[in-house]
């Protein structure tokens, strides 16, 4: 049975100048967003944060997608570093404390997985001239071709949307930053290769893919 390449199932056609180009020629920008410890804030601060976020959502005149990525955090390298530190430690008391701490961390991760959460905002833009492939709620706008002129014009408008979101989230106490092309490639690679990403293996990105 012939194997079908994974790329055939992906909606992504290209990643260029920090922009994701889908197969239907629509664009996506991706922001990585910081988090805040809502539970540690006072009731007054919590209400203010909620109000600011409501104001931000009400100010939008375009859709966006909020994505939370949970990834198992592998700390093998950290444990190896602690073991090396323990072996080099000349003070016997500090050496024993380091060994005890390393054992505590090792037992902790054996009982429960430690997860790392990343937060993203995906911002869409449909270039002018795109037409829906079918009618209805699930209609997908598409362009027959995406010329350099159309791409550059659409990119400017997409970046304006992302700057608007960055400012709006900043009022909520959150920091946001656009991902560039290498970061986008690494993000999507880690999504489709979770086991390799867990152990910190990332393939070298060919220079021709970084545009």
C-alpha atoms as a PDB file:
ATOM      1  CA  UNK A   1       0.000   0.000   0.000  1.00  0.00           C
ATOM      2  CA  UNK A   2       1.476   3.341  -1.053  1.00  0.00           C
ATOM      3  CA  UNK A   3       2.239   5.813   1.718  1.00  0.00           C
ATOM      4  CA  UNK A   4       0.658   9.270   1.500  1.00  0.00           C
ATOM      5  CA  UNK A   5       2.914  12.170   2.532  1.00  0.00           C
ATOM      6  CA  UNK A   6       1.806  14.042   5.663  1.00  0.00           C
ATOM      7  CA  UNK A   7       2.002  17.328   3.742  1.00  0.00           C
ATOM      8  CA  UNK A   8      -0.970  16.219   1.658  1.00  0.00           C
ATOM      9  CA  UNK A   9      -3.221  16.511   4.716  1.00  0.00           C
ATOM     10  CA  UNK A  10      -1.898  19.886   5.874  1.00  0.00           C
ATOM     11  CA  UNK A  11      -3.741  23.092   5.089  1.00  0.00           C
ATOM     12  CA  UNK A  12      -0.419  24.963   4.974  1.00  0.00           C
ATOM     13  CA  UNK A  13       1.077  25.712   1.590  1.00  0.00           C
ATOM     14  CA  UNK A  14       3.966  27.964   2.612  1.00  0.00           C
ATOM     15  CA  UNK A  15       5.460  29.991   5.470  1.00  0.00           C
ATOM     16  CA  UNK A  16       6.850  33.249   4.246  1.00  0.00           C
ATOM     17  CA  UNK A  17       8.038  36.469   5.923  1.00  0.00           C
ATOM     18  CA  UNK A  18       6.449  35.405   9.220  1.00  0.00           C
ATOM     19  CA  UNK A  19       3.119  34.664   7.528  1.00  0.00           C
ATOM     20  CA  UNK A  20       1.390  31.292   7.113  1.00  0.00           C
ATOM     21  CA  UNK A  21      -0.098  30.877   3.646  1.00  0.00           C
ATOM     22  CA  UNK A  22      -2.856  28.275   3.427  1.00  0.00           C
ATOM     23  CA  UNK A  23      -3.667  26.234   0.346  1.00  0.00           C
ATOM     24  CA  UNK A  24      -6.720  28.412  -0.330  1.00  0.00           C
ATOM     25  CA  UNK A  25      -4.307  31.412  -0.431  1.00  0.00           C
ATOM     26  CA  UNK A  26      -5.666  33.024   2.747  1.00  0.00           C
ATOM     27  CA  UNK A  27      -3.133  34.216   5.337  1.00  0.00           C
ATOM     28  CA  UNK A  28      -2.551  33.615   9.036  1.00  0.00           C
ATOM     29  CA  UNK A  29      -0.343  35.421  11.535  1.00  0.00           C
ATOM     30  CA  UNK A  30       0.496  33.781  14.872  1.00  0.00           C
ATOM     31  CA  UNK A  31       1.178  35.590  18.153  1.00  0.00           C
ATOM     32  CA  UNK A  32       2.659  33.901  21.205  1.00  0.00           C
ATOM     33  CA  UNK A  33       1.084  35.360  24.336  1.00  0.00           C
ATOM     34  CA  UNK A  34       2.254  35.469  27.946  1.00  0.00           C
ATOM     35  CA  UNK A  35       0.096  34.268  30.827  1.00  0.00           C
ATOM     36  CA  UNK A  36      -0.838  35.741  34.195  1.00  0.00           C
ATOM     37  CA  UNK A  37      -1.719  34.119  37.507  1.00  0.00           C
ATOM     38  CA  UNK A  38      -5.357  35.163  37.758  1.00  0.00           C
ATOM     39  CA  UNK A  39      -5.957  33.280  41.031  1.00  0.00           C
ATOM     40  CA  UNK A  40      -3.300  35.288  42.904  1.00  0.00           C
ATOM     41  CA  UNK A  41      -4.868  38.630  42.022  1.00  0.00           C
ATOM     42  CA  UNK A  42      -7.254  40.443  44.335  1.00  0.00           C
ATOM     43  CA  UNK A  43     -10.957  40.487  43.522  1.00  0.00           C
ATOM     44  CA  UNK A  44     -10.654  44.079  42.346  1.00  0.00           C
ATOM     45  CA  UNK A  45      -7.739  43.198  40.049  1.00  0.00           C
ATOM     46  CA  UNK A  46      -9.593  40.160  38.697  1.00  0.00           C
ATOM     47  CA  UNK A  47     -12.669  42.264  37.866  1.00  0.00           C
ATOM     48  CA  UNK A  48     -10.480  44.871  36.167  1.00  0.00           C
ATOM     49  CA  UNK A  49      -8.760  42.182  34.070  1.00  0.00           C
ATOM     50  CA  UNK A  50     -12.099  40.672  33.039  1.00  0.00           C
ATOM     51  CA  UNK A  51     -13.449  44.102  32.103  1.00  0.00           C
ATOM     52  CA  UNK A  52     -10.363  44.917  30.016  1.00  0.00           C
ATOM     53  CA  UNK A  53     -10.605  41.572  28.222  1.00  0.00           C
ATOM     54  CA  UNK A  54     -14.300  42.163  27.482  1.00  0.00           C
ATOM     55  CA  UNK A  55     -13.432  45.583  26.102  1.00  0.00           C
ATOM     56  CA  UNK A  56     -10.731  44.020  23.939  1.00  0.00           C
ATOM     57  CA  UNK A  57     -13.098  41.375  22.515  1.00  0.00           C
ATOM     58  CA  UNK A  58     -15.807  43.955  21.833  1.00  0.00           C
ATOM     59  CA  UNK A  59     -13.311  46.110  19.928  1.00  0.00           C
ATOM     60  CA  UNK A  60     -12.577  43.392  17.362  1.00  0.00           C
ATOM     61  CA  UNK A  61     -14.184  43.585  13.933  1.00  0.00           C
ATOM     62  CA  UNK A  62     -12.480  40.423  12.646  1.00  0.00           C
ATOM     63  CA  UNK A  63     -12.306  36.823  13.914  1.00  0.00           C
ATOM     64  CA  UNK A  64      -9.357  35.296  15.740  1.00  0.00           C
ATOM     65  CA  UNK A  65      -8.486  31.939  17.246  1.00  0.00           C
ATOM     66  CA  UNK A  66      -7.055  31.363  20.729  1.00  0.00           C
ATOM     67  CA  UNK A  67      -4.967  28.174  20.962  1.00  0.00           C
ATOM     68  CA  UNK A  68      -3.575  26.594  24.145  1.00  0.00           C
ATOM     69  CA  UNK A  69      -0.794  24.080  23.537  1.00  0.00           C
ATOM     70  CA  UNK A  70       0.015  21.596  26.308  1.00  0.00           C
ATOM     71  CA  UNK A  71       3.353  19.854  25.899  1.00  0.00           C
ATOM     72  CA  UNK A  72       4.995  17.349  28.202  1.00  0.00           C
ATOM     73  CA  UNK A  73       8.067  19.004  29.713  1.00  0.00           C
ATOM     74  CA  UNK A  74      11.149  16.820  29.637  1.00  0.00           C
ATOM     75  CA  UNK A  75      13.674  17.792  32.318  1.00  0.00           C
ATOM     76  CA  UNK A  76      16.226  15.035  31.781  1.00  0.00           C
ATOM     77  CA  UNK A  77      18.837  17.655  30.962  1.00  0.00           C
ATOM     78  CA  UNK A  78      18.090  19.467  34.221  1.00  0.00           C
ATOM     79  CA  UNK A  79      18.492  16.238  36.222  1.00  0.00           C
ATOM     80  CA  UNK A  80      21.802  15.518  34.467  1.00  0.00           C
ATOM     81  CA  UNK A  81      22.983  19.015  35.340  1.00  0.00           C
ATOM     82  CA  UNK A  82      22.065  18.470  38.997  1.00  0.00           C
ATOM     83  CA  UNK A  83      23.946  15.143  39.000  1.00  0.00           C
ATOM     84  CA  UNK A  84      27.025  16.819  37.527  1.00  0.00           C
ATOM     85  CA  UNK A  85      26.757  19.582  40.128  1.00  0.00           C
ATOM     86  CA  UNK A  86      26.475  16.978  42.880  1.00  0.00           C
ATOM     87  CA  UNK A  87      29.585  15.140  41.706  1.00  0.00           C
ATOM     88  CA  UNK A  88      31.642  18.351  41.586  1.00  0.00           C
ATOM     89  CA  UNK A  89      30.472  19.568  44.976  1.00  0.00           C
ATOM     90  CA  UNK A  90      33.286  19.447  47.553  1.00  0.00           C
ATOM     91  CA  UNK A  91      31.159  20.419  50.554  1.00  0.00           C
ATOM     92  CA  UNK A  92      29.653  17.165  51.858  1.00  0.00           C
ATOM     93  CA  UNK A  93      26.562  18.880  53.303  1.00  0.00           C
ATOM     94  CA  UNK A  94      25.796  20.673  50.030  1.00  0.00           C
ATOM     95  CA  UNK A  95      26.518  17.474  48.125  1.00  0.00           C
ATOM     96  CA  UNK A  96      23.961  15.576  50.225  1.00  0.00           C
ATOM     97  CA  UNK A  97      21.390  18.367  49.817  1.00  0.00           C
ATOM     98  CA  UNK A  98      21.868  18.377  46.040  1.00  0.00           C
ATOM     99  CA  UNK A  99      21.409  14.599  45.905  1.00  0.00           C
ATOM    100  CA  UNK A 100      18.278  14.851  48.033  1.00  0.00           C
ATOM    101  CA  UNK A 101      16.856  17.609  45.823  1.00  0.00           C
ATOM    102  CA  UNK A 102      17.627  15.619  42.651  1.00  0.00           C
ATOM    103  CA  UNK A 103      15.841  12.585  44.119  1.00  0.00           C
ATOM    104  CA  UNK A 104      12.841  14.753  45.042  1.00  0.00           C
ATOM    105  CA  UNK A 105      12.541  16.089  41.479  1.00  0.00           C
ATOM    106  CA  UNK A 106      12.966  12.601  40.009  1.00  0.00           C
ATOM    107  CA  UNK A 107      10.241  11.159  42.275  1.00  0.00           C
ATOM    108  CA  UNK A 108       7.957  14.082  41.492  1.00  0.00           C
ATOM    109  CA  UNK A 109       8.047  13.609  37.715  1.00  0.00           C
ATOM    110  CA  UNK A 110       7.650   9.839  38.168  1.00  0.00           C
ATOM    111  CA  UNK A 111       4.285  10.403  39.875  1.00  0.00           C
ATOM    112  CA  UNK A 112       2.885  13.022  37.512  1.00  0.00           C
ATOM    113  CA  UNK A 113       3.689  14.468  34.120  1.00  0.00           C
ATOM    114  CA  UNK A 114       4.880  18.052  34.148  1.00  0.00           C
ATOM    115  CA  UNK A 115       3.179  19.986  31.391  1.00  0.00           C
ATOM    116  CA  UNK A 116       4.277  23.191  29.742  1.00  0.00           C
ATOM    117  CA  UNK A 117       1.522  25.410  28.371  1.00  0.00           C
ATOM    118  CA  UNK A 118       1.952  27.876  25.526  1.00  0.00           C
ATOM    119  CA  UNK A 119      -0.701  30.349  24.447  1.00  0.00           C
ATOM    120  CA  UNK A 120      -1.188  31.552  20.886  1.00  0.00           C
ATOM    121  CA  UNK A 121      -3.523  33.873  19.029  1.00  0.00           C
ATOM    122  CA  UNK A 122      -4.048  33.055  15.345  1.00  0.00           C
ATOM    123  CA  UNK A 123      -5.029  36.047  13.224  1.00  0.00           C
ATOM    124  CA  UNK A 124      -6.616  35.453   9.795  1.00  0.00           C
ATOM    125  CA  UNK A 125      -6.725  37.658   6.740  1.00  0.00           C
ATOM    126  CA  UNK A 126      -8.525  37.029   3.472  1.00  0.00           C
ATOM    127  CA  UNK A 127      -6.930  38.891   0.547  1.00  0.00           C
ATOM    128  CA  UNK A 128      -9.194  41.068  -1.546  1.00  0.00           C
ATOM    129  CA  UNK A 129     -10.708  39.164  -4.439  1.00  0.00           C
ATOM    130  CA  UNK A 130     -11.128  35.837  -2.670  1.00  0.00           C
ATOM    131  CA  UNK A 131     -14.386  34.044  -3.358  1.00  0.00           C
ATOM    132  CA  UNK A 132     -16.177  31.403  -1.323  1.00  0.00           C
ATOM    133  CA  UNK A 133     -15.844  27.893  -2.736  1.00  0.00           C
ATOM    134  CA  UNK A 134     -19.339  27.086  -1.490  1.00  0.00           C
ATOM    135  CA  UNK A 135     -22.168  28.871   0.245  1.00  0.00           C
ATOM    136  CA  UNK A 136     -23.135  28.555   3.879  1.00  0.00           C
ATOM    137  CA  UNK A 137     -21.495  28.693   7.285  1.00  0.00           C
ATOM    138  CA  UNK A 138     -18.572  26.456   6.269  1.00  0.00           C
ATOM    139  CA  UNK A 139     -17.718  28.428   3.136  1.00  0.00           C
ATOM    140  CA  UNK A 140     -13.961  28.692   2.577  1.00  0.00           C
ATOM    141  CA  UNK A 141     -12.764  31.759   0.645  1.00  0.00           C
ATOM    142  CA  UNK A 142     -10.061  30.984  -1.862  1.00  0.00           C
ATOM    143  CA  UNK A 143      -7.916  32.705  -4.461  1.00  0.00           C
ATOM    144  CA  UNK A 144      -6.819  31.020  -7.694  1.00  0.00           C
ATOM    145  CA  UNK A 145      -3.353  32.592  -7.322  1.00  0.00           C
ATOM    146  CA  UNK A 146      -1.558  34.778  -4.797  1.00  0.00           C
ATOM    147  CA  UNK A 147       0.597  37.306  -6.628  1.00  0.00           C
ATOM    148  CA  UNK A 148       3.501  39.104  -4.937  1.00  0.00           C
ATOM    149  CA  UNK A 149       1.584  42.376  -5.072  1.00  0.00           C
ATOM    150  CA  UNK A 150      -1.518  40.896  -3.439  1.00  0.00           C
ATOM    151  CA  UNK A 151       0.613  39.129  -0.798  1.00  0.00           C
ATOM    152  CA  UNK A 152       2.516  42.280   0.197  1.00  0.00           C
ATOM    153  CA  UNK A 153      -0.670  44.331   0.412  1.00  0.00           C
ATOM    154  CA  UNK A 154      -2.425  41.664   2.464  1.00  0.00           C
ATOM    155  CA  UNK A 155       0.631  41.237   4.720  1.00  0.00           C
ATOM    156  CA  UNK A 156       0.539  44.932   5.677  1.00  0.00           C
ATOM    157  CA  UNK A 157      -3.130  44.680   6.642  1.00  0.00           C
ATOM    158  CA  UNK A 158      -2.535  41.455   8.567  1.00  0.00           C
ATOM    159  CA  UNK A 159       0.302  43.074  10.528  1.00  0.00           C
ATOM    160  CA  UNK A 160      -2.007  45.984  11.361  1.00  0.00           C
ATOM    161  CA  UNK A 161      -4.457  43.495  12.840  1.00  0.00           C
ATOM    162  CA  UNK A 162      -1.703  41.839  14.880  1.00  0.00           C
ATOM    163  CA  UNK A 163      -0.466  45.200  16.196  1.00  0.00           C
ATOM    164  CA  UNK A 164      -4.040  46.026  17.233  1.00  0.00           C
ATOM    165  CA  UNK A 165      -4.262  42.730  19.135  1.00  0.00           C
ATOM    166  CA  UNK A 166      -0.881  43.283  20.805  1.00  0.00           C
ATOM    167  CA  UNK A 167      -2.017  46.666  22.124  1.00  0.00           C
ATOM    168  CA  UNK A 168      -5.366  45.263  23.275  1.00  0.00           C
ATOM    169  CA  UNK A 169      -3.767  42.370  25.161  1.00  0.00           C
ATOM    170  CA  UNK A 170      -1.236  44.721  26.731  1.00  0.00           C
ATOM    171  CA  UNK A 171      -4.123  46.570  28.398  1.00  0.00           C
ATOM    172  CA  UNK A 172      -5.128  43.222  29.916  1.00  0.00           C
ATOM    173  CA  UNK A 173      -1.639  42.758  31.383  1.00  0.00           C
ATOM    174  CA  UNK A 174      -0.506  40.305  28.697  1.00  0.00           C
ATOM    175  CA  UNK A 175       2.503  40.505  26.385  1.00  0.00           C
ATOM    176  CA  UNK A 176       2.231  39.232  22.817  1.00  0.00           C
ATOM    177  CA  UNK A 177       4.829  38.814  20.099  1.00  0.00           C
ATOM    178  CA  UNK A 178       4.532  37.647  16.465  1.00  0.00           C
ATOM    179  CA  UNK A 179       6.336  34.429  15.521  1.00  0.00           C
ATOM    180  CA  UNK A 180       8.808  34.721  12.651  1.00  0.00           C
ATOM    181  CA  UNK A 181       9.262  32.108   9.922  1.00  0.00           C
ATOM    182  CA  UNK A 182      11.760  29.822  11.778  1.00  0.00           C
ATOM    183  CA  UNK A 183       9.599  29.946  14.917  1.00  0.00           C
ATOM    184  CA  UNK A 184       6.473  29.089  12.914  1.00  0.00           C
ATOM    185  CA  UNK A 185       8.242  26.153  11.235  1.00  0.00           C
ATOM    186  CA  UNK A 186       9.419  24.884  14.628  1.00  0.00           C
ATOM    187  CA  UNK A 187       5.930  25.301  16.125  1.00  0.00           C
ATOM    188  CA  UNK A 188       4.181  23.290  13.415  1.00  0.00           C
ATOM    189  CA  UNK A 189       6.950  20.683  13.420  1.00  0.00           C
ATOM    190  CA  UNK A 190       6.518  20.196  17.184  1.00  0.00           C
ATOM    191  CA  UNK A 191       2.734  19.858  16.782  1.00  0.00           C
ATOM    192  CA  UNK A 192       3.110  17.000  14.293  1.00  0.00           C
ATOM    193  CA  UNK A 193       6.173  15.458  16.017  1.00  0.00           C
ATOM    194  CA  UNK A 194       5.344  15.686  19.746  1.00  0.00           C
ATOM    195  CA  UNK A 195       7.626  12.868  20.924  1.00  0.00           C
ATOM    196  CA  UNK A 196      10.752  14.280  19.262  1.00  0.00           C
ATOM    197  CA  UNK A 197       9.882  17.778  20.506  1.00  0.00           C
ATOM    198  CA  UNK A 198       9.509  16.485  24.067  1.00  0.00           C
ATOM    199  CA  UNK A 199      13.125  15.351  24.090  1.00  0.00           C
ATOM    200  CA  UNK A 200      14.338  18.624  22.619  1.00  0.00           C
ATOM    201  CA  UNK A 201      15.130  17.342  19.144  1.00  0.00           C
ATOM    202  CA  UNK A 202      14.452  19.834  16.382  1.00  0.00           C
ATOM    203  CA  UNK A 203      15.627  19.375  12.814  1.00  0.00           C
ATOM    204  CA  UNK A 204      17.865  21.963  11.232  1.00  0.00           C
ATOM    205  CA  UNK A 205      15.774  24.274   9.071  1.00  0.00           C
ATOM    206  CA  UNK A 206      17.067  24.496   5.483  1.00  0.00           C
ATOM    207  CA  UNK A 207      17.975  28.107   4.581  1.00  0.00           C
ATOM    208  CA  UNK A 208      15.697  28.038   1.536  1.00  0.00           C
ATOM    209  CA  UNK A 209      12.674  27.594   3.824  1.00  0.00           C
ATOM    210  CA  UNK A 210      13.444  30.729   5.844  1.00  0.00           C
ATOM    211  CA  UNK A 211      11.878  33.577   3.936  1.00  0.00           C
END
